[in-house]
Amino acid sequence: MIDPSPSRVFEVQLFADGACSGNPGPGGWAFILRHLATGKEKEVFGAEPQTTNNRMELTAVIRGLEALKRPTSIELVTDSTYVGKGITEWMPKWKENGWRRREKGRWAEVKNEDLWRELDELLRRHRVEFTHVRGHAGHVENERCDTLAVAAYKKFQRG
């Protein structure tokens, strides 16, 4: 569930980023989970041989939320306006319209619907507040996630 009234009291911070070489092309995703009471962190990353940047951005958030074992209060920190607007603005409208969107006066499919539906299911378990950071602007955790995501997809470029 997206919390419409920001509380700024979180149990966990989830930093997430995706990257792609070409769009489509090999892509990587990464997240860092930080438990705020203990400072304990978990870094996880992965890659796909042929994907898009938006799919990798979504995958990073999904994998991060999947890593949580119980309902949690989360600050989601990402540089992806696609993910942020999707969660806070677009997804409620898509759901209301049977997972369709308006494009040039017609109904169109929601791009990456499979991932948006997966994310929607995960958001029901947690209280999530979205925080946007500028990409490649020196935010330590965002830069770390980007580095991990890029390193992950580079394995598909060798050879």
Protein backbone atom coordinates (compact mmCIF):
# COMPACT_ATOMS: atom_id res chain seq x y z
CA MET A 1 0.00 0.00 0.00
CA ILE A 2 1.31 3.45 -0.85
CA ASP A 3 0.94 5.68 2.15
CA PRO A 4 -0.69 8.95 0.99
CA SER A 5 0.18 10.73 4.25
CA PRO A 6 3.97 10.77 4.63
CA SER A 7 4.98 9.65 8.09
CA ARG A 8 8.76 9.63 7.73
CA VAL A 9 8.94 6.81 10.30
CA PHE A 10 10.38 3.78 8.56
CA GLU A 11 11.72 0.40 9.57
CA VAL A 12 13.60 -0.12 6.31
CA GLN A 13 15.06 1.88 3.45
CA LEU A 14 15.01 0.23 0.03
CA PHE A 15 17.40 1.74 -2.50
CA ALA A 16 16.82 0.39 -6.01
CA ASP A 17 18.17 0.97 -9.51
CA GLY A 18 18.14 -0.61 -12.93
CA ALA A 19 20.45 -0.18 -15.90
CA CYS A 20 20.50 -1.27 -19.51
CA SER A 21 23.06 -1.25 -22.32
CA GLY A 22 20.87 -0.40 -25.24
CA ASN A 23 17.13 -0.25 -24.79
CA PRO A 24 16.44 -3.09 -25.31
CA GLY A 25 19.69 -4.82 -24.54
CA PRO A 26 21.43 -6.54 -21.65
CA GLY A 27 20.16 -5.13 -18.38
CA GLY A 28 20.90 -5.27 -14.69
CA TRP A 29 19.12 -4.43 -11.46
CA ALA A 30 20.25 -3.96 -7.88
CA PHE A 31 18.89 -3.06 -4.49
CA ILE A 32 20.14 -2.28 -1.02
CA LEU A 33 17.92 -2.94 1.97
CA ARG A 34 18.87 -1.11 5.15
CA HIS A 35 17.24 -1.93 8.49
CA LEU A 36 17.23 1.43 10.21
CA ALA A 37 17.26 0.24 13.83
CA THR A 38 20.31 -1.98 13.39
CA GLY A 39 22.02 -0.45 10.35
CA LYS A 40 22.26 -3.93 8.85
CA GLU A 41 22.33 -3.91 5.02
CA LYS A 42 21.71 -6.43 2.29
CA GLU A 43 22.84 -5.91 -1.32
CA VAL A 44 21.39 -8.04 -4.12
CA PHE A 45 21.72 -7.73 -7.89
CA GLY A 46 20.97 -9.63 -11.07
CA ALA A 47 20.74 -9.32 -14.83
CA GLU A 48 18.85 -10.35 -17.94
CA PRO A 49 20.34 -10.82 -21.41
CA GLN A 50 17.63 -8.88 -23.31
CA THR A 51 15.40 -6.35 -21.57
CA THR A 52 14.66 -2.63 -21.14
CA ASN A 53 15.73 -0.05 -18.61
CA ASN A 54 12.16 0.32 -17.29
CA ARG A 55 11.87 -3.42 -16.71
CA MET A 56 15.13 -3.37 -14.77
CA GLU A 57 13.98 -0.40 -12.64
CA LEU A 58 10.79 -2.28 -11.76
CA THR A 59 12.63 -5.55 -11.14
CA ALA A 60 14.99 -3.90 -8.65
CA VAL A 61 12.05 -2.67 -6.57
CA ILE A 62 10.17 -5.98 -6.84
CA ARG A 63 13.18 -8.06 -5.78
CA GLY A 64 13.80 -5.69 -2.86
CA LEU A 65 10.23 -5.96 -1.61
CA GLU A 66 10.28 -9.74 -2.08
CA ALA A 67 13.31 -9.93 0.22
CA LEU A 68 11.25 -8.63 3.17
CA LYS A 69 9.89 -11.43 5.33
CA ARG A 70 6.99 -9.56 6.96
CA PRO A 71 4.87 -6.45 6.40
CA THR A 72 7.18 -3.47 6.79
CA SER A 73 7.21 0.32 6.77
CA ILE A 74 9.56 1.24 3.89
CA GLU A 75 11.11 4.30 2.35
CA LEU A 76 11.66 3.42 -1.32
CA VAL A 77 14.51 5.52 -2.71
CA THR A 78 15.07 5.48 -6.47
CA ASP A 79 16.04 7.76 -9.33
CA SER A 80 13.29 6.29 -11.51
CA THR A 81 10.45 8.71 -12.16
CA TYR A 82 8.87 5.83 -14.14
CA VAL A 83 8.62 3.74 -10.98
CA GLY A 84 7.64 6.68 -8.77
CA LYS A 85 4.89 8.02 -11.03
CA GLY A 86 3.77 4.49 -11.81
CA ILE A 87 3.25 3.71 -8.13
CA THR A 88 1.79 7.03 -7.03
CA GLU A 89 -0.16 8.21 -10.09
CA TRP A 90 -0.56 5.71 -12.93
CA MET A 91 -1.15 2.35 -11.27
CA PRO A 92 -4.34 3.37 -9.41
CA LYS A 93 -5.84 4.55 -12.74
CA TRP A 94 -4.70 1.42 -14.61
CA LYS A 95 -6.32 -0.80 -12.01
CA GLU A 96 -9.52 1.24 -12.12
CA ASN A 97 -9.56 0.79 -15.92
CA GLY A 98 -8.90 -2.97 -15.97
CA TRP A 99 -5.12 -2.56 -16.36
CA ARG A 100 -5.50 -0.41 -19.45
CA ARG A 101 -4.30 3.12 -20.19
CA ARG A 102 -5.47 5.84 -22.52
CA GLU A 103 -3.24 6.59 -25.50
CA LYS A 104 -4.32 9.01 -28.22
CA GLY A 105 -7.97 8.65 -27.20
CA ARG A 106 -7.91 4.83 -27.27
CA TRP A 107 -7.38 2.10 -24.75
CA ALA A 108 -3.90 0.58 -24.85
CA GLU A 109 -2.11 -2.11 -22.92
CA VAL A 110 -0.03 -1.14 -19.93
CA LYS A 111 3.62 -1.61 -20.79
CA ASN A 112 5.36 -4.05 -18.44
CA GLU A 113 1.97 -5.05 -17.03
CA ASP A 114 3.35 -8.32 -15.67
CA LEU A 115 5.84 -6.45 -13.48
CA TRP A 116 3.36 -3.74 -12.45
CA ARG A 117 0.92 -6.43 -11.30
CA GLU A 118 3.67 -8.17 -9.35
CA LEU A 119 4.65 -4.86 -7.76
CA ASP A 120 1.01 -4.07 -6.95
CA GLU A 121 0.70 -7.36 -5.07
CA LEU A 122 3.85 -6.64 -3.06
CA LEU A 123 2.74 -3.08 -2.25
CA ARG A 124 -0.38 -4.49 -0.57
CA ARG A 125 1.82 -6.16 2.05
CA HIS A 126 3.84 -3.11 3.04
CA ARG A 127 3.50 0.59 3.84
CA VAL A 128 5.70 2.27 1.24
CA GLU A 129 6.64 5.89 0.79
CA PHE A 130 8.43 6.89 -2.40
CA THR A 131 11.44 9.24 -2.36
CA HIS A 132 12.96 10.40 -5.64
CA VAL A 133 16.69 11.14 -5.94
CA ARG A 134 18.53 12.45 -8.98
CA GLY A 135 20.45 9.76 -10.80
CA HIS A 136 24.21 10.08 -11.17
CA ALA A 137 24.23 13.01 -8.76
CA GLY A 138 26.37 11.55 -6.00
CA HIS A 139 23.69 9.87 -3.86
CA VAL A 140 25.82 7.13 -2.29
CA GLU A 141 23.32 4.27 -2.25
CA ASN A 142 21.88 5.14 -5.67
CA GLU A 143 25.38 5.20 -7.14
CA ARG A 144 26.16 1.84 -5.49
CA CYS A 145 23.01 0.27 -6.93
CA ASP A 146 23.87 1.64 -10.37
CA THR A 147 27.40 0.21 -10.13
CA LEU A 148 26.04 -3.22 -9.13
CA ALA A 149 23.39 -3.19 -11.88
CA VAL A 150 25.92 -2.26 -14.58
CA ALA A 151 28.40 -4.89 -13.36
CA ALA A 152 25.61 -7.49 -13.44
CA TYR A 153 24.65 -6.91 -17.08
CA LYS A 154 28.26 -6.68 -18.28
CA LYS A 155 28.50 -10.46 -17.96
CA PHE A 156 26.23 -10.64 -21.03
CA GLN A 157 28.53 -8.35 -22.99
CA ARG A 158 31.62 -10.52 -22.58
CA GLY A 159 31.87 -13.10 -25.25
